[in-house]
Structures are given as structure tokens and as C-alpha cells.
C-alpha atoms as a PDB file:
ATOM      1  CA  UNK A   1       0.000   0.000   0.000  1.00  0.00           C
ATOM      2  CA  UNK A   2       1.338   3.414  -0.940  1.00  0.00           C
ATOM      3  CA  UNK A   3       1.471   6.165   1.590  1.00  0.00           C
ATOM      4  CA  UNK A   4      -1.280   8.763   1.380  1.00  0.00           C
ATOM      5  CA  UNK A   5      -0.104  12.256   0.372  1.00  0.00           C
ATOM      6  CA  UNK A   6       0.613  14.541   3.282  1.00  0.00           C
ATOM      7  CA  UNK A   7       0.016  18.252   3.553  1.00  0.00           C
ATOM      8  CA  UNK A   8       3.602  18.853   2.469  1.00  0.00           C
ATOM      9  CA  UNK A   9       3.446  16.699  -0.675  1.00  0.00           C
ATOM     10  CA  UNK A  10       4.314  18.725  -3.778  1.00  0.00           C
ATOM     11  CA  UNK A  11       1.786  18.454  -6.588  1.00  0.00           C
ATOM     12  CA  UNK A  12       2.946  21.085  -9.078  1.00  0.00           C
ATOM     13  CA  UNK A  13       5.962  23.358  -9.438  1.00  0.00           C
ATOM     14  CA  UNK A  14       7.070  22.880  -5.851  1.00  0.00           C
ATOM     15  CA  UNK A  15       3.608  23.759  -4.515  1.00  0.00           C
ATOM     16  CA  UNK A  16       1.559  21.663  -2.128  1.00  0.00           C
ATOM     17  CA  UNK A  17      -2.089  21.019  -2.907  1.00  0.00           C
ATOM     18  CA  UNK A  18      -3.161  23.809  -0.569  1.00  0.00           C
ATOM     19  CA  UNK A  19      -0.653  26.210  -2.102  1.00  0.00           C
ATOM     20  CA  UNK A  20      -1.737  25.302  -5.628  1.00  0.00           C
ATOM     21  CA  UNK A  21      -5.388  25.757  -4.742  1.00  0.00           C
ATOM     22  CA  UNK A  22      -4.587  29.170  -3.276  1.00  0.00           C
ATOM     23  CA  UNK A  23      -2.590  30.085  -6.381  1.00  0.00           C
ATOM     24  CA  UNK A  24      -5.747  29.642  -8.468  1.00  0.00           C
ATOM     25  CA  UNK A  25      -8.039  31.351  -5.950  1.00  0.00           C
ATOM     26  CA  UNK A  26      -7.990  35.104  -6.473  1.00  0.00           C
ATOM     27  CA  UNK A  27      -9.701  35.861  -3.177  1.00  0.00           C
ATOM     28  CA  UNK A  28      -6.615  34.659  -1.305  1.00  0.00           C
ATOM     29  CA  UNK A  29      -4.426  37.310  -2.934  1.00  0.00           C
ATOM     30  CA  UNK A  30      -6.982  40.098  -3.443  1.00  0.00           C
ATOM     31  CA  UNK A  31      -8.745  40.897  -0.190  1.00  0.00           C
ATOM     32  CA  UNK A  32     -10.597  43.764  -1.877  1.00  0.00           C
ATOM     33  CA  UNK A  33     -12.123  41.537  -4.568  1.00  0.00           C
ATOM     34  CA  UNK A  34     -15.729  42.383  -3.677  1.00  0.00           C
ATOM     35  CA  UNK A  35     -14.976  46.101  -3.509  1.00  0.00           C
ATOM     36  CA  UNK A  36     -13.356  46.153  -6.941  1.00  0.00           C
ATOM     37  CA  UNK A  37     -16.175  44.088  -8.449  1.00  0.00           C
ATOM     38  CA  UNK A  38     -18.661  46.588  -7.038  1.00  0.00           C
ATOM     39  CA  UNK A  39     -16.587  49.364  -8.594  1.00  0.00           C
ATOM     40  CA  UNK A  40     -16.883  47.655 -11.997  1.00  0.00           C
ATOM     41  CA  UNK A  41     -20.633  47.939 -11.543  1.00  0.00           C
ATOM     42  CA  UNK A  42     -20.776  51.543 -10.385  1.00  0.00           C
ATOM     43  CA  UNK A  43     -18.301  52.681 -13.037  1.00  0.00           C
ATOM     44  CA  UNK A  44     -20.358  50.828 -15.645  1.00  0.00           C
ATOM     45  CA  UNK A  45     -23.459  52.674 -14.471  1.00  0.00           C
ATOM     46  CA  UNK A  46     -21.664  55.985 -14.982  1.00  0.00           C
ATOM     47  CA  UNK A  47     -20.403  54.956 -18.423  1.00  0.00           C
ATOM     48  CA  UNK A  48     -23.853  53.701 -19.401  1.00  0.00           C
ATOM     49  CA  UNK A  49     -25.323  57.109 -18.553  1.00  0.00           C
ATOM     50  CA  UNK A  50     -22.898  58.812 -20.955  1.00  0.00           C
ATOM     51  CA  UNK A  51     -22.743  56.337 -23.827  1.00  0.00           C
ATOM     52  CA  UNK A  52     -25.366  55.792 -26.514  1.00  0.00           C
ATOM     53  CA  UNK A  53     -27.413  52.701 -25.726  1.00  0.00           C
ATOM     54  CA  UNK A  54     -25.620  49.506 -26.681  1.00  0.00           C
ATOM     55  CA  UNK A  55     -26.881  47.436 -29.581  1.00  0.00           C
ATOM     56  CA  UNK A  56     -27.536  43.861 -28.532  1.00  0.00           C
ATOM     57  CA  UNK A  57     -26.461  41.610 -31.402  1.00  0.00           C
ATOM     58  CA  UNK A  58     -26.691  37.821 -31.588  1.00  0.00           C
ATOM     59  CA  UNK A  59     -23.845  35.797 -33.048  1.00  0.00           C
ATOM     60  CA  UNK A  60     -25.507  32.404 -32.602  1.00  0.00           C
ATOM     61  CA  UNK A  61     -28.710  30.634 -31.552  1.00  0.00           C
ATOM     62  CA  UNK A  62     -27.927  30.119 -27.845  1.00  0.00           C
ATOM     63  CA  UNK A  63     -29.426  32.595 -25.388  1.00  0.00           C
ATOM     64  CA  UNK A  64     -26.021  33.882 -24.275  1.00  0.00           C
ATOM     65  CA  UNK A  65     -24.567  33.985 -27.804  1.00  0.00           C
ATOM     66  CA  UNK A  66     -24.765  37.767 -28.057  1.00  0.00           C
ATOM     67  CA  UNK A  67     -22.669  40.859 -27.536  1.00  0.00           C
ATOM     68  CA  UNK A  68     -23.189  44.485 -26.607  1.00  0.00           C
ATOM     69  CA  UNK A  69     -21.886  46.834 -29.287  1.00  0.00           C
ATOM     70  CA  UNK A  70     -20.851  50.345 -28.293  1.00  0.00           C
ATOM     71  CA  UNK A  71     -20.342  52.441 -31.401  1.00  0.00           C
ATOM     72  CA  UNK A  72     -17.980  55.255 -32.157  1.00  0.00           C
ATOM     73  CA  UNK A  73     -18.769  57.777 -34.885  1.00  0.00           C
ATOM     74  CA  UNK A  74     -18.197  56.897 -38.516  1.00  0.00           C
ATOM     75  CA  UNK A  75     -17.987  53.694 -40.502  1.00  0.00           C
ATOM     76  CA  UNK A  76     -15.155  51.302 -41.309  1.00  0.00           C
ATOM     77  CA  UNK A  77     -13.799  51.798 -37.808  1.00  0.00           C
ATOM     78  CA  UNK A  78     -11.613  49.363 -35.826  1.00  0.00           C
ATOM     79  CA  UNK A  79     -13.437  46.962 -33.519  1.00  0.00           C
ATOM     80  CA  UNK A  80     -12.152  46.047 -30.068  1.00  0.00           C
ATOM     81  CA  UNK A  81     -13.663  42.775 -28.787  1.00  0.00           C
ATOM     82  CA  UNK A  82     -13.582  42.126 -25.038  1.00  0.00           C
ATOM     83  CA  UNK A  83     -13.830  38.701 -23.378  1.00  0.00           C
ATOM     84  CA  UNK A  84     -14.650  38.978 -19.685  1.00  0.00           C
ATOM     85  CA  UNK A  85     -13.415  36.849 -16.813  1.00  0.00           C
ATOM     86  CA  UNK A  86     -15.275  35.202 -13.970  1.00  0.00           C
ATOM     87  CA  UNK A  87     -13.547  31.846 -13.430  1.00  0.00           C
ATOM     88  CA  UNK A  88     -15.542  30.522 -16.444  1.00  0.00           C
ATOM     89  CA  UNK A  89     -18.646  30.475 -14.246  1.00  0.00           C
ATOM     90  CA  UNK A  90     -19.727  34.054 -13.564  1.00  0.00           C
ATOM     91  CA  UNK A  91     -20.151  37.683 -14.737  1.00  0.00           C
ATOM     92  CA  UNK A  92     -21.688  39.126 -17.891  1.00  0.00           C
ATOM     93  CA  UNK A  93     -21.031  41.813 -20.470  1.00  0.00           C
ATOM     94  CA  UNK A  94     -23.212  44.255 -18.525  1.00  0.00           C
ATOM     95  CA  UNK A  95     -20.601  44.447 -15.765  1.00  0.00           C
ATOM     96  CA  UNK A  96     -17.863  45.696 -18.119  1.00  0.00           C
ATOM     97  CA  UNK A  97     -19.489  48.699 -19.774  1.00  0.00           C
ATOM     98  CA  UNK A  98     -16.923  50.880 -17.998  1.00  0.00           C
ATOM     99  CA  UNK A  99     -14.312  49.710 -20.517  1.00  0.00           C
ATOM    100  CA  UNK A 100     -16.141  50.943 -23.610  1.00  0.00           C
ATOM    101  CA  UNK A 101     -15.753  54.713 -23.432  1.00  0.00           C
ATOM    102  CA  UNK A 102     -11.960  54.620 -23.740  1.00  0.00           C
ATOM    103  CA  UNK A 103     -12.296  52.996 -27.152  1.00  0.00           C
ATOM    104  CA  UNK A 104     -15.348  54.779 -28.536  1.00  0.00           C
ATOM    105  CA  UNK A 105     -13.773  58.164 -27.781  1.00  0.00           C
ATOM    106  CA  UNK A 106     -10.580  57.046 -29.538  1.00  0.00           C
ATOM    107  CA  UNK A 107     -12.474  56.076 -32.694  1.00  0.00           C
ATOM    108  CA  UNK A 108     -13.177  52.351 -32.277  1.00  0.00           C
ATOM    109  CA  UNK A 109     -16.325  50.339 -31.774  1.00  0.00           C
ATOM    110  CA  UNK A 110     -16.309  48.048 -28.757  1.00  0.00           C
ATOM    111  CA  UNK A 111     -18.009  44.660 -28.640  1.00  0.00           C
ATOM    112  CA  UNK A 112     -18.321  43.128 -25.172  1.00  0.00           C
ATOM    113  CA  UNK A 113     -19.116  39.435 -25.449  1.00  0.00           C
ATOM    114  CA  UNK A 114     -21.554  37.335 -23.534  1.00  0.00           C
ATOM    115  CA  UNK A 115     -21.156  33.572 -23.660  1.00  0.00           C
ATOM    116  CA  UNK A 116     -22.044  30.436 -21.747  1.00  0.00           C
ATOM    117  CA  UNK A 117     -20.631  29.549 -18.357  1.00  0.00           C
ATOM    118  CA  UNK A 118     -18.967  26.197 -17.789  1.00  0.00           C
ATOM    119  CA  UNK A 119     -21.885  24.956 -15.673  1.00  0.00           C
ATOM    120  CA  UNK A 120     -24.134  25.403 -18.711  1.00  0.00           C
ATOM    121  CA  UNK A 121     -22.212  22.480 -20.213  1.00  0.00           C
ATOM    122  CA  UNK A 122     -21.845  20.252 -17.148  1.00  0.00           C
ATOM    123  CA  UNK A 123     -18.259  21.336 -16.534  1.00  0.00           C
ATOM    124  CA  UNK A 124     -17.051  21.078 -20.142  1.00  0.00           C
ATOM    125  CA  UNK A 125     -15.101  24.141 -21.305  1.00  0.00           C
ATOM    126  CA  UNK A 126     -14.743  22.967 -24.893  1.00  0.00           C
ATOM    127  CA  UNK A 127     -18.167  24.264 -26.051  1.00  0.00           C
ATOM    128  CA  UNK A 128     -17.488  27.613 -24.375  1.00  0.00           C
ATOM    129  CA  UNK A 129     -14.152  27.956 -26.163  1.00  0.00           C
ATOM    130  CA  UNK A 130     -15.799  27.127 -29.485  1.00  0.00           C
ATOM    131  CA  UNK A 131     -18.572  29.639 -28.790  1.00  0.00           C
ATOM    132  CA  UNK A 132     -16.085  32.459 -28.180  1.00  0.00           C
ATOM    133  CA  UNK A 133     -14.169  31.674 -31.364  1.00  0.00           C
ATOM    134  CA  UNK A 134     -17.476  31.709 -33.264  1.00  0.00           C
ATOM    135  CA  UNK A 135     -18.268  35.123 -31.759  1.00  0.00           C
ATOM    136  CA  UNK A 136     -14.959  36.617 -32.851  1.00  0.00           C
ATOM    137  CA  UNK A 137     -15.256  35.179 -36.355  1.00  0.00           C
ATOM    138  CA  UNK A 138     -18.860  36.376 -36.626  1.00  0.00           C
ATOM    139  CA  UNK A 139     -17.859  39.921 -35.741  1.00  0.00           C
ATOM    140  CA  UNK A 140     -14.969  39.859 -38.213  1.00  0.00           C
ATOM    141  CA  UNK A 141     -17.119  38.436 -41.005  1.00  0.00           C
ATOM    142  CA  UNK A 142     -19.934  40.908 -40.346  1.00  0.00           C
ATOM    143  CA  UNK A 143     -17.764  43.902 -39.500  1.00  0.00           C
ATOM    144  CA  UNK A 144     -18.886  45.979 -42.462  1.00  0.00           C
ATOM    145  CA  UNK A 145     -22.542  45.464 -41.551  1.00  0.00           C
ATOM    146  CA  UNK A 146     -21.961  46.915 -38.082  1.00  0.00           C
ATOM    147  CA  UNK A 147     -19.828  49.848 -39.201  1.00  0.00           C
ATOM    148  CA  UNK A 148     -16.471  48.195 -38.671  1.00  0.00           C
ATOM    149  CA  UNK A 149     -13.370  47.426 -40.695  1.00  0.00           C
ATOM    150  CA  UNK A 150     -12.821  43.660 -41.096  1.00  0.00           C
ATOM    151  CA  UNK A 151      -9.108  44.335 -41.394  1.00  0.00           C
ATOM    152  CA  UNK A 152      -8.983  45.982 -37.967  1.00  0.00           C
ATOM    153  CA  UNK A 153     -10.268  43.420 -35.475  1.00  0.00           C
ATOM    154  CA  UNK A 154      -8.602  43.528 -32.049  1.00  0.00           C
ATOM    155  CA  UNK A 155      -9.050  41.444 -28.937  1.00  0.00           C
ATOM    156  CA  UNK A 156      -8.753  42.181 -25.233  1.00  0.00           C
ATOM    157  CA  UNK A 157      -9.563  39.910 -22.322  1.00  0.00           C
ATOM    158  CA  UNK A 158      -9.138  39.339 -18.613  1.00  0.00           C
ATOM    159  CA  UNK A 159      -8.569  36.342 -16.335  1.00  0.00           C
ATOM    160  CA  UNK A 160     -10.483  33.253 -17.504  1.00  0.00           C
ATOM    161  CA  UNK A 161     -11.522  35.400 -20.466  1.00  0.00           C
ATOM    162  CA  UNK A 162      -7.843  35.884 -21.316  1.00  0.00           C
ATOM    163  CA  UNK A 163      -7.477  32.113 -21.232  1.00  0.00           C
ATOM    164  CA  UNK A 164     -10.409  31.713 -23.617  1.00  0.00           C
ATOM    165  CA  UNK A 165      -9.084  34.498 -25.841  1.00  0.00           C
ATOM    166  CA  UNK A 166      -5.738  32.706 -25.939  1.00  0.00           C
ATOM    167  CA  UNK A 167      -7.514  29.534 -27.055  1.00  0.00           C
ATOM    168  CA  UNK A 168      -9.326  31.569 -29.714  1.00  0.00           C
ATOM    169  CA  UNK A 169      -5.990  32.881 -30.995  1.00  0.00           C
ATOM    170  CA  UNK A 170      -4.868  29.299 -31.577  1.00  0.00           C
ATOM    171  CA  UNK A 171      -8.156  28.140 -33.111  1.00  0.00           C
ATOM    172  CA  UNK A 172      -8.633  31.153 -35.369  1.00  0.00           C
ATOM    173  CA  UNK A 173      -4.936  31.405 -36.153  1.00  0.00           C
ATOM    174  CA  UNK A 174      -5.028  27.864 -37.520  1.00  0.00           C
ATOM    175  CA  UNK A 175      -8.112  28.444 -39.683  1.00  0.00           C
ATOM    176  CA  UNK A 176      -8.244  32.177 -40.465  1.00  0.00           C
ATOM    177  CA  UNK A 177      -4.815  33.583 -39.561  1.00  0.00           C
ATOM    178  CA  UNK A 178      -5.397  37.199 -40.640  1.00  0.00           C
ATOM    179  CA  UNK A 179      -8.568  37.731 -38.613  1.00  0.00           C
ATOM    180  CA  UNK A 180      -7.204  39.309 -35.411  1.00  0.00           C
ATOM    181  CA  UNK A 181      -4.668  42.113 -35.717  1.00  0.00           C
ATOM    182  CA  UNK A 182      -3.647  42.292 -32.066  1.00  0.00           C
ATOM    183  CA  UNK A 183      -4.545  41.038 -28.600  1.00  0.00           C
ATOM    184  CA  UNK A 184      -4.155  42.300 -25.039  1.00  0.00           C
ATOM    185  CA  UNK A 185      -4.471  39.392 -22.604  1.00  0.00           C
ATOM    186  CA  UNK A 186      -4.508  40.401 -18.944  1.00  0.00           C
ATOM    187  CA  UNK A 187      -4.052  37.994 -16.044  1.00  0.00           C
ATOM    188  CA  UNK A 188      -4.702  34.838 -18.013  1.00  0.00           C
ATOM    189  CA  UNK A 189      -3.919  31.130 -17.880  1.00  0.00           C
ATOM    190  CA  UNK A 190      -2.309  29.410 -20.825  1.00  0.00           C
ATOM    191  CA  UNK A 191      -1.460  25.888 -19.638  1.00  0.00           C
ATOM    192  CA  UNK A 192      -4.265  23.874 -18.105  1.00  0.00           C
ATOM    193  CA  UNK A 193      -2.094  21.199 -16.454  1.00  0.00           C
ATOM    194  CA  UNK A 194      -1.769  22.969 -13.069  1.00  0.00           C
ATOM    195  CA  UNK A 195      -5.335  24.271 -13.273  1.00  0.00           C
ATOM    196  CA  UNK A 196      -6.556  20.699 -13.696  1.00  0.00           C
ATOM    197  CA  UNK A 197      -4.704  19.732 -10.524  1.00  0.00           C
ATOM    198  CA  UNK A 198      -6.176  22.632  -8.558  1.00  0.00           C
ATOM    199  CA  UNK A 199      -9.504  23.038  -6.796  1.00  0.00           C
ATOM    200  CA  UNK A 200     -10.946  24.435 -10.023  1.00  0.00           C
ATOM    201  CA  UNK A 201     -11.308  20.841 -11.189  1.00  0.00           C
ATOM    202  CA  UNK A 202     -14.257  20.615  -8.788  1.00  0.00           C
ATOM    203  CA  UNK A 203     -16.368  22.447 -11.366  1.00  0.00           C
ATOM    204  CA  UNK A 204     -14.365  22.038 -14.600  1.00  0.00           C
ATOM    205  CA  UNK A 205     -14.306  18.505 -16.011  1.00  0.00           C
ATOM    206  CA  UNK A 206     -10.904  18.293 -17.651  1.00  0.00           C
ATOM    207  CA  UNK A 207      -9.841  15.348 -19.781  1.00  0.00           C
ATOM    208  CA  UNK A 208      -6.448  14.741 -21.343  1.00  0.00           C
ATOM    209  CA  UNK A 209      -7.894  15.898 -24.664  1.00  0.00           C
ATOM    210  CA  UNK A 210      -9.463  19.084 -23.300  1.00  0.00           C
ATOM    211  CA  UNK A 211      -6.362  19.931 -21.273  1.00  0.00           C
ATOM    212  CA  UNK A 212      -4.343  19.726 -24.472  1.00  0.00           C
ATOM    213  CA  UNK A 213      -6.816  21.608 -26.654  1.00  0.00           C
ATOM    214  CA  UNK A 214      -7.383  24.353 -24.094  1.00  0.00           C
ATOM    215  CA  UNK A 215      -3.694  25.074 -23.426  1.00  0.00           C
ATOM    216  CA  UNK A 216      -2.563  27.873 -25.783  1.00  0.00           C
ATOM    217  CA  UNK A 217       1.003  27.347 -24.568  1.00  0.00           C
ATOM    218  CA  UNK A 218       0.993  24.041 -26.444  1.00  0.00           C
ATOM    219  CA  UNK A 219      -0.203  25.546 -29.730  1.00  0.00           C
ATOM    220  CA  UNK A 220       2.224  28.411 -30.195  1.00  0.00           C
ATOM    221  CA  UNK A 221       2.711  27.585 -33.884  1.00  0.00           C
ATOM    222  CA  UNK A 222      -0.943  28.407 -34.573  1.00  0.00           C
ATOM    223  CA  UNK A 223      -0.773  31.920 -33.120  1.00  0.00           C
ATOM    224  CA  UNK A 224      -0.487  34.576 -35.821  1.00  0.00           C
ATOM    225  CA  UNK A 225      -1.464  37.630 -33.771  1.00  0.00           C
ATOM    226  CA  UNK A 226       0.847  40.034 -31.896  1.00  0.00           C
ATOM    227  CA  UNK A 227       0.146  39.553 -28.200  1.00  0.00           C
ATOM    228  CA  UNK A 228       0.501  41.944 -25.276  1.00  0.00           C
ATOM    229  CA  UNK A 229       0.413  40.067 -21.976  1.00  0.00           C
ATOM    230  CA  UNK A 230      -0.197  41.816 -18.681  1.00  0.00           C
ATOM    231  CA  UNK A 231      -0.569  41.061 -15.012  1.00  0.00           C
ATOM    232  CA  UNK A 232      -0.530  42.850 -11.697  1.00  0.00           C
ATOM    233  CA  UNK A 233       2.518  42.465  -9.482  1.00  0.00           C
ATOM    234  CA  UNK A 234       0.157  41.536  -6.625  1.00  0.00           C
ATOM    235  CA  UNK A 235      -1.370  38.580  -8.503  1.00  0.00           C
ATOM    236  CA  UNK A 236      -1.034  34.974  -7.406  1.00  0.00           C
ATOM    237  CA  UNK A 237       2.324  33.338  -8.184  1.00  0.00           C
ATOM    238  CA  UNK A 238       0.733  30.982 -10.706  1.00  0.00           C
ATOM    239  CA  UNK A 239      -0.997  33.748 -12.652  1.00  0.00           C
ATOM    240  CA  UNK A 240       2.294  35.632 -12.837  1.00  0.00           C
ATOM    241  CA  UNK A 241       4.118  32.486 -13.949  1.00  0.00           C
ATOM    242  CA  UNK A 242       1.486  31.627 -16.558  1.00  0.00           C
ATOM    243  CA  UNK A 243       1.803  34.964 -18.381  1.00  0.00           C
ATOM    244  CA  UNK A 244       5.596  34.925 -18.256  1.00  0.00           C
ATOM    245  CA  UNK A 245       5.767  31.351 -19.534  1.00  0.00           C
ATOM    246  CA  UNK A 246       3.430  32.171 -22.413  1.00  0.00           C
ATOM    247  CA  UNK A 247       5.468  35.248 -23.316  1.00  0.00           C
ATOM    248  CA  UNK A 248       8.703  33.241 -23.208  1.00  0.00           C
ATOM    249  CA  UNK A 249       7.234  30.578 -25.497  1.00  0.00           C
ATOM    250  CA  UNK A 250       5.952  33.148 -27.976  1.00  0.00           C
ATOM    251  CA  UNK A 251       9.269  34.969 -28.013  1.00  0.00           C
ATOM    252  CA  UNK A 252      11.236  31.738 -28.441  1.00  0.00           C
ATOM    253  CA  UNK A 253       9.089  30.934 -31.470  1.00  0.00           C
ATOM    254  CA  UNK A 254       9.716  34.358 -32.978  1.00  0.00           C
ATOM    255  CA  UNK A 255       6.167  35.570 -32.343  1.00  0.00           C
ATOM    256  CA  UNK A 256       5.553  39.238 -31.429  1.00  0.00           C
ATOM    257  CA  UNK A 257       4.926  39.436 -27.688  1.00  0.00           C
ATOM    258  CA  UNK A 258       5.467  41.822 -24.816  1.00  0.00           C
ATOM    259  CA  UNK A 259       4.690  41.822 -21.105  1.00  0.00           C
ATOM    260  CA  UNK A 260       3.287  44.671 -19.039  1.00  0.00           C
ATOM    261  CA  UNK A 261       3.586  44.393 -15.253  1.00  0.00           C
ATOM    262  CA  UNK A 262       1.282  46.573 -13.203  1.00  0.00           C
ATOM    263  CA  UNK A 263       3.170  47.477 -10.064  1.00  0.00           C
ATOM    264  CA  UNK A 264       0.888  47.650  -7.003  1.00  0.00           C
ATOM    265  CA  UNK A 265      -2.084  46.214  -8.927  1.00  0.00           C
ATOM    266  CA  UNK A 266      -3.824  42.981  -8.054  1.00  0.00           C
ATOM    267  CA  UNK A 267      -5.760  40.638 -10.335  1.00  0.00           C
ATOM    268  CA  UNK A 268      -8.982  42.627 -10.276  1.00  0.00           C
ATOM    269  CA  UNK A 269      -7.485  46.108 -10.355  1.00  0.00           C
ATOM    270  CA  UNK A 270      -5.272  45.643 -13.420  1.00  0.00           C
ATOM    271  CA  UNK A 271      -8.174  45.386 -15.875  1.00  0.00           C
ATOM    272  CA  UNK A 272      -9.510  48.743 -14.691  1.00  0.00           C
ATOM    273  CA  UNK A 273      -6.548  50.356 -16.448  1.00  0.00           C
ATOM    274  CA  UNK A 274      -8.023  49.228 -19.790  1.00  0.00           C
ATOM    275  CA  UNK A 275     -10.724  51.863 -19.271  1.00  0.00           C
ATOM    276  CA  UNK A 276      -8.200  54.713 -19.215  1.00  0.00           C
ATOM    277  CA  UNK A 277      -6.458  55.870 -22.415  1.00  0.00           C
ATOM    278  CA  UNK A 278      -3.459  56.765 -20.252  1.00  0.00           C
ATOM    279  CA  UNK A 279      -3.653  53.638 -18.095  1.00  0.00           C
ATOM    280  CA  UNK A 280      -1.303  50.699 -18.484  1.00  0.00           C
ATOM    281  CA  UNK A 281      -3.658  48.576 -20.574  1.00  0.00           C
ATOM    282  CA  UNK A 282      -5.715  51.321 -22.194  1.00  0.00           C
ATOM    283  CA  UNK A 283      -2.598  52.987 -23.556  1.00  0.00           C
ATOM    284  CA  UNK A 284      -1.198  49.640 -24.716  1.00  0.00           C
ATOM    285  CA  UNK A 285      -4.394  48.625 -26.502  1.00  0.00           C
ATOM    286  CA  UNK A 286      -4.770  51.992 -28.235  1.00  0.00           C
ATOM    287  CA  UNK A 287      -1.117  51.887 -29.283  1.00  0.00           C
ATOM    288  CA  UNK A 288      -1.640  48.422 -30.717  1.00  0.00           C
ATOM    289  CA  UNK A 289      -4.632  49.740 -32.680  1.00  0.00           C
ATOM    290  CA  UNK A 290      -2.794  52.825 -33.905  1.00  0.00           C
ATOM    291  CA  UNK A 291      -5.229  55.080 -32.023  1.00  0.00           C
ATOM    292  CA  UNK A 292      -2.809  56.525 -29.488  1.00  0.00           C
ATOM    293  CA  UNK A 293      -2.161  59.811 -31.260  1.00  0.00           C
END
């Protein structure tokens, strides 16, 4: 009989099970999580009061297969697509309206995606990943009909949304490599092996096949989009490692990649800078789009 693992047994990267679970639990490292989430809501209320009403557009038959489009003035404008986080199981586009004004004022439309949660598919992330790729392709293919330029499609995402956006970069890069002109991925995960070993496996049903398919780090050759990675210096050690490892792999393969580190920002605070044209992520995204002048 083998000995049962003890509390000090290492399960991944020198971390015990408890340490690994904590490293994928944002509440452990961001005590103000609820406060920042509430700020997303109140800032979205303010933005909603200033912006023209969003157009709700469906990209598929499922109830959540829709996005909120915030328009700038003029036609043939760049489109920034945002994929929200929420541990694959929470939040909606309505909570991220605060991000839109930065882009509409700079001359871009912003599409904030809604999509299924993992519990809608009994723990299977594969349909959610496919749904998000479909959304991005739908927007690109219908860009002219919504006042956009199909040659100027950009992607931004946060947390589990950055993971899903990374998967989309591999899926779309393999099938339609010129679709996405640039991506800003904040606080994401790009290798599912440690995630599968963590407490997140209690609600995500990983298999060997899904772990492989949903790990952008293992499909670097399919990525054809310049990527800006970002994280807060106060993030969990695993979220910091994940972004750095992805950047290193992209760079080693000769793919355009850079890393932005937000000093004194935690996981939830860093994405707020995407709402500010002078913030770490807002400035980076506008620069990537050529709208920083």
C-alpha cells in the first residue's frame, strides 16, 4: 500500500495542494475583490449614462450567444472585442461597460461578449471555447454590416476570459490567420495542467484531450497575432508564472509578444486600467490599434 499524500506533498511546481489551490483562488491574494467588483458595476453605471445605448447583437442561436456593441462615430472603424473573466462560471457583459468609453472616444467600436458559463455544459469548457471563437469570427465576417473594418479586429480579455481568448488565438490562427490584428491578454492562464490539478477541477471537467486543446502554450505555432500580456505584481504566483511562460514561449518561437507588469495592482485592479487611455492597458491597446495619437 502506498502512503497517502501529506500536507507537504508537492503536486505542481514545488507547490503543495493547498498552495496550488490558493494560487488559483484570487480571493486569497486580493482581499478587496468584492470592492473592486462593485466598482466595476458603479463605473459601468456611470459609463452607461454617458454612452449611446448599446446594440444587442446575436452571433448564434444560444441565449447567451450575443454581444453588446458600443459604437464610435463613422464607418469602417476598428473593432475592439472584449472577453470577460469570472472563473468561467460568472459575470456578464453588462458588468464591463466601464471599458467601452476609452475605445469609442478614440475612434473604435467596442463589442463586449456574452457567452455560456462552464456549468451550462456540465463542466465542459470545450463548447465555451468554441462559442467564443465563433463570436470573434462572426464579428470579423460581419464587420462591415456593423460599421467596422474587417481588417482591424482587435481582442482584449481578462482572467479566464484571457485564457479563452488565448484559445481563440490558436483556433482562429489555424483556420483564419489574418482575422485578429492584435490582442491584449490580462491575467490569463495558458497551460491547463496545473489548473486541472487545482480546486478548479471541482467544477471544470478536464480530460487529457481538453487539457491539451485548451492550453494555448501548447499551440504556439498556430498563433499569428501580436500579443501583449499583462498582469498585476500583486497577482497569485501561478498567474504571474502563466503569463511569463506564455510570453517566453511566444518569443522563443519568434512571435511578437510583450509583457506589461502593473506594479501595485492585483488581479482585479489591473483590468480597470483598460478603461483609461493613459492607463497601463488602455494605452497599450490603443497603441496596438494605432489610435494613441
